[in-house]
């Protein structure tokens, strides 16, 4: 398989991995916890979700043909605390991710060196993808951290549970080497 095609498949899997982490963190919270901001200098999970979705819709709509900072985007409003019910918030979240995944699926390996613009600054498609692959996990880390702080009761670990690394590694190394398998739902999203 050509390296550019491998890259496109890899970034789709990476984005899906980080989305899944945030999905699992938010699923552990009560709806009202999504709107909690710890102080005036922090954003609630709901605000982070609005920002990520707004960014995704701006960056990935007409990705190859229009500037990534869309004229109709009001970035500042993404950071206004508004009460949104969990269902609506998750619709906003999915809308952004669907836009991203559709744009990535439409790319061909020969387009990776094309130049696109974000706020009138040229980026190759690879640079633009990598920029977002750094930006989104940054905010997803915030979501996970907040969720852990806000969770009432036991937290279900999203990775290797604390003080369980030896058990986890022993289990992994007791098996034959494999390539990570994705669930049917994950694979459908990537197709």
Protein backbone atom coordinates (compact mmCIF):
# COMPACT_ATOMS: atom_id res chain seq x y z
CA UNK A 1 0.00 0.00 0.00
CA UNK A 2 1.25 3.45 -0.88
CA UNK A 3 2.56 5.51 2.06
CA UNK A 4 0.15 8.39 1.36
CA UNK A 5 -2.80 6.00 1.52
CA UNK A 6 -1.42 4.54 4.75
CA UNK A 7 -1.18 8.06 6.16
CA UNK A 8 -4.81 8.83 5.30
CA UNK A 9 -6.00 5.61 6.92
CA UNK A 10 -3.80 6.20 9.97
CA UNK A 11 -5.05 9.73 10.64
CA UNK A 12 -8.67 8.59 10.35
CA UNK A 13 -7.98 5.90 12.97
CA UNK A 14 -6.21 8.41 15.22
CA UNK A 15 -9.09 10.90 15.05
CA UNK A 16 -11.55 8.08 15.75
CA UNK A 17 -9.50 6.93 18.73
CA UNK A 18 -9.53 10.39 20.32
CA UNK A 19 -13.24 10.88 19.60
CA UNK A 20 -13.96 7.54 21.25
CA UNK A 21 -11.97 8.52 24.35
CA UNK A 22 -14.04 11.71 24.73
CA UNK A 23 -17.29 9.82 24.04
CA UNK A 24 -16.49 7.38 26.86
CA UNK A 25 -15.54 10.16 29.26
CA UNK A 26 -18.70 12.16 28.62
CA UNK A 27 -20.88 9.04 28.88
CA UNK A 28 -19.80 8.65 32.51
CA UNK A 29 -21.19 12.06 33.51
CA UNK A 30 -24.60 13.27 34.50
CA UNK A 31 -26.06 15.76 31.99
CA UNK A 32 -25.66 18.75 34.33
CA UNK A 33 -21.98 17.98 34.85
CA UNK A 34 -21.26 18.75 31.19
CA UNK A 35 -21.98 22.44 31.82
CA UNK A 36 -19.83 22.86 34.93
CA UNK A 37 -16.91 25.31 34.66
CA UNK A 38 -14.52 25.10 37.59
CA UNK A 39 -13.83 28.86 37.59
CA UNK A 40 -14.08 31.95 35.38
CA UNK A 41 -10.89 31.04 33.51
CA UNK A 42 -11.96 27.55 32.48
CA UNK A 43 -14.42 26.15 29.99
CA UNK A 44 -17.02 23.51 30.70
CA UNK A 45 -17.04 20.30 28.72
CA UNK A 46 -20.07 21.64 26.84
CA UNK A 47 -18.10 24.72 25.83
CA UNK A 48 -15.13 22.62 24.71
CA UNK A 49 -17.51 20.46 22.65
CA UNK A 50 -19.04 23.57 21.02
CA UNK A 51 -15.56 24.87 20.22
CA UNK A 52 -14.35 21.59 18.74
CA UNK A 53 -17.47 21.21 16.63
CA UNK A 54 -17.27 24.82 15.44
CA UNK A 55 -13.64 24.32 14.51
CA UNK A 56 -14.36 21.07 12.69
CA UNK A 57 -17.23 22.54 10.70
CA UNK A 58 -15.10 25.52 9.75
CA UNK A 59 -11.94 23.60 8.90
CA UNK A 60 -13.41 20.57 7.14
CA UNK A 61 -16.36 22.00 5.16
CA UNK A 62 -15.16 22.43 1.56
CA UNK A 63 -11.73 21.54 2.91
CA UNK A 64 -9.82 21.75 -0.38
CA UNK A 65 -11.58 24.76 -1.86
CA UNK A 66 -12.33 27.39 0.80
CA UNK A 67 -10.40 28.96 3.65
CA UNK A 68 -10.55 26.87 6.83
CA UNK A 69 -11.72 29.85 8.85
CA UNK A 70 -15.19 30.21 7.38
CA UNK A 71 -16.69 33.68 7.17
CA UNK A 72 -19.84 32.58 9.01
CA UNK A 73 -18.00 31.10 11.98
CA UNK A 74 -18.33 33.01 15.23
CA UNK A 75 -15.49 31.50 17.24
CA UNK A 76 -16.07 33.76 20.25
CA UNK A 77 -19.63 32.49 20.64
CA UNK A 78 -18.28 28.93 20.95
CA UNK A 79 -16.85 29.98 24.33
CA UNK A 80 -20.03 31.50 25.71
CA UNK A 81 -21.53 29.38 28.46
CA UNK A 82 -24.95 28.33 27.29
CA UNK A 83 -27.09 25.65 28.82
CA UNK A 84 -27.48 22.86 26.30
CA UNK A 85 -29.15 19.58 27.08
CA UNK A 86 -26.99 16.49 26.66
CA UNK A 87 -28.84 15.26 23.58
CA UNK A 88 -28.37 18.57 21.74
CA UNK A 89 -24.75 18.76 22.84
CA UNK A 90 -24.05 15.29 21.45
CA UNK A 91 -25.75 16.24 18.17
CA UNK A 92 -23.41 19.25 17.90
CA UNK A 93 -20.47 16.96 18.71
CA UNK A 94 -21.43 14.36 16.08
CA UNK A 95 -22.06 17.01 13.43
CA UNK A 96 -18.49 18.25 13.73
CA UNK A 97 -16.97 14.77 13.69
CA UNK A 98 -19.11 13.67 10.74
CA UNK A 99 -17.88 16.70 8.78
CA UNK A 100 -14.26 15.78 9.57
CA UNK A 101 -14.63 12.10 8.68
CA UNK A 102 -16.45 12.85 5.43
CA UNK A 103 -13.72 15.28 4.39
CA UNK A 104 -10.97 12.78 5.21
CA UNK A 105 -12.76 9.98 3.35
CA UNK A 106 -13.01 12.16 0.26
CA UNK A 107 -9.27 12.83 0.10
CA UNK A 108 -7.04 10.94 -2.27
CA UNK A 109 -3.34 10.25 -1.67
CA UNK A 110 -2.28 12.59 -4.49
CA UNK A 111 -4.03 15.53 -2.76
CA UNK A 112 -1.82 15.45 0.34
CA UNK A 113 0.65 17.96 -1.09
CA UNK A 114 -2.09 20.37 -2.21
CA UNK A 115 -2.09 23.74 -0.48
CA UNK A 116 -5.14 24.85 1.49
CA UNK A 117 -5.59 28.03 3.50
CA UNK A 118 -6.48 28.69 7.12
CA UNK A 119 -6.88 32.40 7.85
CA UNK A 120 -5.09 33.14 4.56
CA UNK A 121 -2.02 31.10 5.55
CA UNK A 122 -1.10 28.28 3.20
CA UNK A 123 -0.69 24.75 4.53
CA UNK A 124 -0.23 21.50 2.69
CA UNK A 125 -3.10 19.10 3.28
CA UNK A 126 -0.75 17.02 5.46
CA UNK A 127 0.14 20.08 7.55
CA UNK A 128 -3.52 21.04 7.93
CA UNK A 129 -4.46 17.51 9.02
CA UNK A 130 -1.55 17.34 11.47
CA UNK A 131 -2.50 20.73 12.87
CA UNK A 132 -5.95 19.41 13.78
CA UNK A 133 -4.58 16.08 14.95
CA UNK A 134 -2.65 18.07 17.57
CA UNK A 135 -5.48 20.52 18.36
CA UNK A 136 -8.34 18.07 18.95
CA UNK A 137 -6.50 15.69 21.35
CA UNK A 138 -5.40 18.74 23.36
CA UNK A 139 -9.05 19.58 24.03
CA UNK A 140 -10.05 15.94 24.42
CA UNK A 141 -7.46 15.71 27.19
CA UNK A 142 -9.25 18.61 28.85
CA UNK A 143 -12.59 16.80 28.52
CA UNK A 144 -11.19 13.64 30.10
CA UNK A 145 -9.51 15.57 32.92
CA UNK A 146 -12.72 17.49 33.70
CA UNK A 147 -14.79 14.34 33.55
CA UNK A 148 -12.51 12.66 36.09
CA UNK A 149 -12.80 15.68 38.41
CA UNK A 150 -16.57 15.91 38.06
CA UNK A 151 -17.41 12.23 38.22
CA UNK A 152 -19.34 11.29 41.28
CA UNK A 153 -18.47 7.75 42.21
CA UNK A 154 -16.08 5.37 40.56
CA UNK A 155 -14.33 6.37 37.32
CA UNK A 156 -14.12 3.73 34.60
CA UNK A 157 -10.62 4.04 33.24
CA UNK A 158 -10.31 4.87 29.54
CA UNK A 159 -6.86 3.31 29.26
CA UNK A 160 -4.76 1.17 31.57
CA UNK A 161 -6.18 1.56 35.10
CA UNK A 162 -3.94 3.08 37.76
CA UNK A 163 -1.55 0.51 39.28
CA UNK A 164 -2.57 -2.11 36.70
CA UNK A 165 0.25 -1.69 34.14
CA UNK A 166 1.97 -4.96 35.06
CA UNK A 167 -1.27 -6.93 34.78
CA UNK A 168 -2.12 -5.26 31.48
CA UNK A 169 1.33 -5.92 30.00
CA UNK A 170 1.36 -9.52 31.24
CA UNK A 171 -1.96 -10.11 29.48
CA UNK A 172 -0.78 -8.46 26.24
CA UNK A 173 2.54 -10.29 26.13
CA UNK A 174 0.90 -13.63 26.84
CA UNK A 175 -0.78 -13.45 23.42
CA UNK A 176 0.46 -13.63 19.84
CA UNK A 177 1.36 -10.38 18.10
CA UNK A 178 -1.62 -8.77 16.38
CA UNK A 179 -2.60 -5.67 14.50
CA UNK A 180 -5.25 -3.62 16.27
CA UNK A 181 -8.75 -4.61 15.24
CA UNK A 182 -11.50 -2.04 14.99
CA UNK A 183 -15.13 -2.70 15.80
CA UNK A 184 -17.71 -2.87 12.99
CA UNK A 185 -19.03 0.56 14.02
CA UNK A 186 -15.53 2.05 13.96
CA UNK A 187 -14.83 0.56 10.54
CA UNK A 188 -18.12 1.88 9.13
CA UNK A 189 -17.19 5.40 10.24
CA UNK A 190 -13.86 5.09 8.42
CA UNK A 191 -15.36 3.77 5.16
